[in-house]
């Protein structure tokens, strides 16, 4: 199947190499290690922090965040650092059910306010945990419909107010530009190949709206991402 044909609809048969249990551990480690650069360049979390989290921090001083499917944990670390530089405290619990992701994240230099757990979101629901904000980065396109519904249900149960799920926006332009611009990061890692697979599996805005309950809204998050949002929008003025 050509990549162009697969972009007409979500390619649900495509599997990312790093999701395979028998993938090369060295390539996987390098992939986790390069995620901070990829997310810094593409994922828009600095903008999301400024627009969504910093106003909440300004109103409350301290905010708790749950990062579902945190991978190598770089988004959690970035958010905590930005908050600290602004004079606030962001307490982040970053979870991932994959032992390999948990092991990598746990071995990174500690960041004040960031805790990692090997866990599913359902486990925290069972524990009765609550957080001010629930987030995720690049997990929605991995999920089957039943899994997506479960994550959204858990997110609503776990938050006191706001959920922000950031994911890719499938398009021909995104596919071409990622392949042209990120192939160097693919050398010795899964970044390029799995990134292209992620784009092929990801939603358009219309598809994502059709896939989620009406209480969730799909917002544009820069040129390459959607932000799936649930919860209040406080007046922080």
Protein backbone atom coordinates (compact mmCIF):
# COMPACT_ATOMS: atom_id res chain seq x y z
CA UNK A 1 0.00 0.00 0.00
CA UNK A 2 1.38 3.41 -0.90
CA UNK A 3 1.59 6.00 1.86
CA UNK A 4 -0.54 8.35 -0.23
CA UNK A 5 -3.37 5.84 -0.44
CA UNK A 6 -3.28 5.27 3.30
CA UNK A 7 -3.73 8.99 3.99
CA UNK A 8 -7.25 9.04 2.55
CA UNK A 9 -8.39 7.26 5.70
CA UNK A 10 -6.81 6.21 8.98
CA UNK A 11 -4.44 3.29 8.45
CA UNK A 12 -5.52 1.15 11.39
CA UNK A 13 -3.39 -1.80 10.26
CA UNK A 14 -0.12 0.12 10.62
CA UNK A 15 1.84 -0.64 13.79
CA UNK A 16 4.65 1.48 15.20
CA UNK A 17 7.86 -0.48 15.68
CA UNK A 18 8.36 0.82 19.23
CA UNK A 19 4.97 -0.63 20.19
CA UNK A 20 6.17 -4.14 19.34
CA UNK A 21 7.27 -6.12 22.39
CA UNK A 22 10.28 -7.49 20.48
CA UNK A 23 11.58 -4.17 19.13
CA UNK A 24 15.30 -3.37 19.42
CA UNK A 25 15.91 -1.98 22.94
CA UNK A 26 18.79 0.23 21.80
CA UNK A 27 16.69 1.84 19.07
CA UNK A 28 13.84 2.24 21.54
CA UNK A 29 16.12 3.94 24.08
CA UNK A 30 17.38 6.38 21.43
CA UNK A 31 13.79 7.06 20.40
CA UNK A 32 12.78 8.01 23.94
CA UNK A 33 15.93 10.13 24.21
CA UNK A 34 15.04 12.09 21.06
CA UNK A 35 11.39 12.69 21.94
CA UNK A 36 12.15 15.96 23.79
CA UNK A 37 13.47 17.52 20.58
CA UNK A 38 10.57 16.22 18.48
CA UNK A 39 7.99 17.48 20.96
CA UNK A 40 9.76 20.82 21.34
CA UNK A 41 9.66 21.34 17.57
CA UNK A 42 6.20 19.99 16.78
CA UNK A 43 3.85 19.30 19.66
CA UNK A 44 3.01 22.80 20.86
CA UNK A 45 3.19 22.16 24.62
CA UNK A 46 4.88 25.48 25.31
CA UNK A 47 1.88 27.21 23.71
CA UNK A 48 -0.55 24.96 25.59
CA UNK A 49 1.23 25.73 28.84
CA UNK A 50 0.96 29.48 28.23
CA UNK A 51 -2.67 29.41 27.13
CA UNK A 52 -4.15 26.70 29.36
CA UNK A 53 -1.95 25.91 32.35
CA UNK A 54 -0.24 29.17 33.28
CA UNK A 55 -3.55 31.04 33.79
CA UNK A 56 -4.70 28.20 36.04
CA UNK A 57 -1.43 28.35 37.96
CA UNK A 58 -1.76 32.12 38.31
CA UNK A 59 -5.19 31.64 39.86
CA UNK A 60 -4.29 28.72 42.15
CA UNK A 61 -0.51 28.85 42.67
CA UNK A 62 -0.21 25.06 42.67
CA UNK A 63 -1.80 22.73 40.12
CA UNK A 64 -1.78 18.92 39.92
CA UNK A 65 -1.49 17.24 36.51
CA UNK A 66 -1.87 13.64 35.36
CA UNK A 67 0.02 12.77 32.16
CA UNK A 68 -1.49 9.58 30.67
CA UNK A 69 0.80 7.48 28.46
CA UNK A 70 3.82 9.64 29.23
CA UNK A 71 6.38 7.62 27.25
CA UNK A 72 9.83 8.90 28.17
CA UNK A 73 8.30 11.58 30.40
CA UNK A 74 9.68 14.64 28.59
CA UNK A 75 6.36 16.55 28.42
CA UNK A 76 5.88 16.18 32.19
CA UNK A 77 9.42 17.43 32.82
CA UNK A 78 9.01 20.40 30.49
CA UNK A 79 5.73 21.51 32.06
CA UNK A 80 7.20 21.32 35.58
CA UNK A 81 10.27 23.33 34.55
CA UNK A 82 8.23 26.05 32.86
CA UNK A 83 5.99 26.39 35.89
CA UNK A 84 8.96 26.62 38.25
CA UNK A 85 10.57 29.35 36.12
CA UNK A 86 7.31 31.30 36.35
CA UNK A 87 7.29 30.99 40.13
CA UNK A 88 4.57 28.33 40.35
CA UNK A 89 4.46 24.68 41.35
CA UNK A 90 3.14 22.07 38.96
CA UNK A 91 2.83 18.62 40.51
CA UNK A 92 2.86 16.04 37.71
CA UNK A 93 2.10 12.33 37.98
CA UNK A 94 3.25 10.74 34.71
CA UNK A 95 1.96 7.23 34.02
CA UNK A 96 2.60 4.62 31.34
CA UNK A 97 1.69 0.92 31.39
CA UNK A 98 4.79 0.01 29.34
CA UNK A 99 7.62 -1.18 31.60
CA UNK A 100 10.19 0.06 29.05
CA UNK A 101 8.82 3.61 29.06
CA UNK A 102 8.62 3.63 32.85
CA UNK A 103 12.20 2.39 33.14
CA UNK A 104 13.51 5.08 30.79
CA UNK A 105 11.58 7.90 32.46
CA UNK A 106 12.63 6.76 35.93
CA UNK A 107 16.30 6.90 34.94
CA UNK A 108 16.19 10.52 33.75
CA UNK A 109 17.51 13.23 36.10
CA UNK A 110 14.84 13.95 38.71
CA UNK A 111 12.70 17.06 38.29
CA UNK A 112 11.00 18.56 41.34
CA UNK A 113 7.29 17.86 41.24
CA UNK A 114 7.41 15.02 38.68
CA UNK A 115 6.60 11.43 39.71
CA UNK A 116 6.47 8.43 37.36
CA UNK A 117 4.29 5.35 37.74
CA UNK A 118 3.87 2.19 35.70
CA UNK A 119 0.07 2.20 35.57
CA UNK A 120 -3.08 2.40 33.49
CA UNK A 121 -5.44 5.32 34.02
CA UNK A 122 -8.08 2.85 35.24
CA UNK A 123 -5.87 1.98 38.20
CA UNK A 124 -5.86 5.59 39.36
CA UNK A 125 -9.64 5.76 38.92
CA UNK A 126 -9.94 2.70 41.18
CA UNK A 127 -7.75 4.47 43.75
CA UNK A 128 -10.07 7.47 43.74
CA UNK A 129 -7.32 9.85 42.59
CA UNK A 130 -8.15 13.37 41.37
CA UNK A 131 -6.08 15.94 39.48
CA UNK A 132 -6.70 19.52 38.43
CA UNK A 133 -5.73 18.73 34.83
CA UNK A 134 -5.45 15.49 32.85
CA UNK A 135 -3.27 15.51 29.73
CA UNK A 136 -1.80 13.20 27.13
CA UNK A 137 0.50 13.56 24.15
CA UNK A 138 0.29 11.44 20.99
CA UNK A 139 -1.68 8.53 22.45
CA UNK A 140 -5.12 8.90 20.82
CA UNK A 141 -4.07 7.55 17.43
CA UNK A 142 -2.72 4.40 19.10
CA UNK A 143 -6.10 3.46 20.58
CA UNK A 144 -8.87 1.22 19.31
CA UNK A 145 -12.40 2.70 19.72
CA UNK A 146 -13.06 0.84 22.97
CA UNK A 147 -9.70 1.96 24.36
CA UNK A 148 -10.32 5.56 23.32
CA UNK A 149 -13.70 5.56 25.06
CA UNK A 150 -12.08 4.10 28.19
CA UNK A 151 -9.32 6.74 28.29
CA UNK A 152 -11.83 9.56 27.88
CA UNK A 153 -14.06 8.06 30.57
CA UNK A 154 -11.08 7.74 32.92
CA UNK A 155 -9.98 11.29 32.11
CA UNK A 156 -13.36 12.67 33.10
CA UNK A 157 -13.32 10.63 36.32
CA UNK A 158 -9.78 11.72 37.22
CA UNK A 159 -10.02 15.46 36.60
CA UNK A 160 -11.37 18.19 38.84
CA UNK A 161 -11.89 20.40 35.83
CA UNK A 162 -9.82 20.21 32.64
CA UNK A 163 -8.61 17.54 30.18
CA UNK A 164 -6.20 18.26 27.33
CA UNK A 165 -5.31 15.44 24.92
CA UNK A 166 -2.84 16.51 22.23
CA UNK A 167 -2.58 14.44 19.06
CA UNK A 168 -1.52 14.59 15.43
CA UNK A 169 -3.61 15.92 12.56
CA UNK A 170 -3.37 13.62 9.53
CA UNK A 171 -2.60 15.37 6.25
CA UNK A 172 -0.51 14.89 3.13
CA UNK A 173 1.51 17.99 3.96
CA UNK A 174 2.31 16.78 7.48
CA UNK A 175 3.44 13.44 6.08
CA UNK A 176 5.72 14.96 3.42
CA UNK A 177 7.26 17.59 5.68
CA UNK A 178 7.90 15.14 8.52
CA UNK A 179 9.57 12.67 6.16
CA UNK A 180 11.72 15.44 4.64
CA UNK A 181 12.64 17.17 7.89
CA UNK A 182 13.00 14.42 10.47
CA UNK A 183 14.83 11.66 8.64
CA UNK A 184 18.13 12.56 10.42
CA UNK A 185 16.49 11.82 13.79
CA UNK A 186 15.39 8.49 12.38
CA UNK A 187 18.99 7.32 12.05
CA UNK A 188 19.56 4.82 14.83
CA UNK A 189 16.04 5.26 16.23
CA UNK A 190 12.37 4.71 15.42
CA UNK A 191 11.59 8.44 15.23
CA UNK A 192 11.11 8.84 11.48
CA UNK A 193 9.45 5.55 10.58
CA UNK A 194 7.15 5.53 13.59
CA UNK A 195 6.37 9.22 13.16
CA UNK A 196 5.14 8.56 9.64
CA UNK A 197 3.11 5.59 10.90
CA UNK A 198 1.62 7.83 13.59
CA UNK A 199 0.50 10.35 10.98
CA UNK A 200 -1.11 7.57 8.92
CA UNK A 201 -2.99 6.35 12.01
CA UNK A 202 -4.03 9.81 13.24
CA UNK A 203 -7.38 11.57 12.91
CA UNK A 204 -8.54 14.53 10.90
CA UNK A 205 -10.52 17.06 12.94
CA UNK A 206 -13.83 15.80 11.54
CA UNK A 207 -12.95 12.16 12.26
CA UNK A 208 -11.95 12.97 15.83
CA UNK A 209 -15.18 14.90 16.47
CA UNK A 210 -17.15 11.88 15.23
CA UNK A 211 -15.14 9.53 17.47
CA UNK A 212 -15.62 11.32 20.83
CA UNK A 213 -18.63 12.28 22.97
CA UNK A 214 -20.26 15.64 22.33
CA UNK A 215 -18.97 16.96 25.66
CA UNK A 216 -15.44 16.98 24.19
CA UNK A 217 -14.32 19.68 21.75
CA UNK A 218 -11.63 19.45 19.08
CA UNK A 219 -9.46 22.56 18.85
CA UNK A 220 -6.63 23.42 16.50
CA UNK A 221 -3.23 23.29 18.21
CA UNK A 222 -0.83 24.76 15.70
CA UNK A 223 -0.52 23.47 12.13
CA UNK A 224 0.08 19.80 12.91
CA UNK A 225 -2.00 18.93 15.98
CA UNK A 226 -5.45 18.77 17.52
CA UNK A 227 -6.19 19.48 21.16
CA UNK A 228 -9.08 17.40 22.46
CA UNK A 229 -10.55 19.41 25.34
CA UNK A 230 -13.04 18.63 28.08
CA UNK A 231 -13.99 20.74 31.07
CA UNK A 232 -14.30 24.28 32.23
CA UNK A 233 -12.67 27.38 30.85
CA UNK A 234 -12.12 29.60 33.87
CA UNK A 235 -12.00 33.36 33.65
CA UNK A 236 -8.47 34.09 34.76
CA UNK A 237 -8.58 37.79 34.02
